[in-house]
């Protein structure tokens, strides 16, 4: 077991996690689309399987054309972090 689901969406390379799919949001929204569940599941699986990855910083992104892109980026990152915690990733390993 390498901590990677059979259909690899996430890879662990050295001390970095490479996410091979994007987590999409509707424009001007911070709620995670339901179709992002498989990628969030995969990220959580890798983090849980690899405790040597002690700290993960989650970054959000919003386009300049979206309302208040800085706040939206931060809210998106917080929601991704909350989704990972809900899947069993320890809070102390995550930051946004």
Protein backbone atom coordinates (compact mmCIF):
# COMPACT_ATOMS: atom_id res chain seq x y z
CA UNK A 1 0.00 0.00 0.00
CA UNK A 2 1.51 3.30 -1.09
CA UNK A 3 -1.23 5.53 0.32
CA UNK A 4 -2.34 6.34 -3.20
CA UNK A 5 -5.81 5.34 -4.38
CA UNK A 6 -5.87 3.04 -7.40
CA UNK A 7 -6.95 5.92 -9.62
CA UNK A 8 -4.19 8.31 -8.59
CA UNK A 9 -5.33 11.86 -8.04
CA UNK A 10 -2.68 12.72 -5.47
CA UNK A 11 1.01 11.84 -5.30
CA UNK A 12 3.54 12.15 -2.53
CA UNK A 13 6.93 13.27 -3.88
CA UNK A 14 9.60 13.74 -1.23
CA UNK A 15 7.90 15.98 1.31
CA UNK A 16 5.40 17.52 -1.11
CA UNK A 17 1.91 16.48 -2.05
CA UNK A 18 1.08 16.87 -5.72
CA UNK A 19 -2.62 17.20 -6.43
CA UNK A 20 -3.37 16.13 -9.98
CA UNK A 21 -6.92 17.44 -10.08
CA UNK A 22 -8.39 20.81 -9.24
CA UNK A 23 -11.02 21.46 -6.62
CA UNK A 24 -13.62 23.58 -8.33
CA UNK A 25 -15.91 26.21 -6.88
CA UNK A 26 -18.77 28.11 -8.45
CA UNK A 27 -17.89 31.72 -9.34
CA UNK A 28 -17.92 34.03 -6.32
CA UNK A 29 -18.61 31.09 -3.99
CA UNK A 30 -16.51 29.39 -1.33
CA UNK A 31 -18.58 26.21 -1.01
CA UNK A 32 -16.86 23.16 -2.43
CA UNK A 33 -18.72 21.52 -5.32
CA UNK A 34 -19.92 17.98 -4.54
CA UNK A 35 -17.92 16.57 -7.44
CA UNK A 36 -14.75 17.45 -5.50
CA UNK A 37 -15.41 14.68 -2.97
CA UNK A 38 -13.20 12.08 -4.71
CA UNK A 39 -10.17 14.36 -4.80
CA UNK A 40 -10.68 15.42 -1.19
CA UNK A 41 -10.99 11.75 -0.23
CA UNK A 42 -7.73 11.01 -2.06
CA UNK A 43 -5.88 13.88 -0.40
CA UNK A 44 -7.08 12.76 3.02
CA UNK A 45 -6.07 9.15 2.31
CA UNK A 46 -2.53 10.17 1.40
CA UNK A 47 -2.17 12.45 4.42
CA UNK A 48 -3.49 9.81 6.80
CA UNK A 49 -1.24 7.13 5.29
CA UNK A 50 1.86 9.35 5.44
CA UNK A 51 2.25 10.78 8.92
CA UNK A 52 5.73 11.93 7.97
CA UNK A 53 4.03 14.79 6.14
CA UNK A 54 3.68 16.86 9.28
CA UNK A 55 2.47 20.19 7.92
CA UNK A 56 0.32 21.03 4.93
CA UNK A 57 -0.59 24.56 3.92
CA UNK A 58 -3.82 24.84 1.96
CA UNK A 59 -4.02 27.70 -0.52
CA UNK A 60 -7.19 28.94 -2.16
CA UNK A 61 -7.44 30.82 -5.42
CA UNK A 62 -9.96 33.26 -6.82
CA UNK A 63 -9.83 35.05 -10.13
CA UNK A 64 -9.34 38.80 -10.17
CA UNK A 65 -12.78 39.14 -11.74
CA UNK A 66 -14.49 37.58 -8.73
CA UNK A 67 -15.83 39.76 -5.93
CA UNK A 68 -13.32 40.31 -3.13
CA UNK A 69 -10.82 37.73 -4.42
CA UNK A 70 -8.55 37.78 -1.35
CA UNK A 71 -11.36 36.99 1.10
CA UNK A 72 -12.80 34.43 -1.31
CA UNK A 73 -9.42 32.71 -1.65
CA UNK A 74 -9.09 32.52 2.12
CA UNK A 75 -12.64 31.17 2.55
CA UNK A 76 -12.02 28.50 -0.10
CA UNK A 77 -8.82 27.40 1.62
CA UNK A 78 -10.62 27.24 4.97
CA UNK A 79 -13.40 25.11 3.45
CA UNK A 80 -10.90 22.69 1.91
CA UNK A 81 -9.12 22.45 5.24
CA UNK A 82 -12.44 21.76 7.03
CA UNK A 83 -13.28 19.05 4.48
CA UNK A 84 -9.94 17.34 5.10
CA UNK A 85 -10.42 17.50 8.86
CA UNK A 86 -13.90 15.99 8.42
CA UNK A 87 -12.20 13.11 6.57
CA UNK A 88 -9.87 12.39 9.47
CA UNK A 89 -6.79 14.52 8.80
CA UNK A 90 -5.55 15.88 12.16
CA UNK A 91 -6.18 19.61 12.54
CA UNK A 92 -2.65 20.29 13.78
CA UNK A 93 -1.18 19.16 10.45
CA UNK A 94 -3.15 21.70 8.42
CA UNK A 95 -2.99 25.45 7.96
CA UNK A 96 -4.69 27.80 5.55
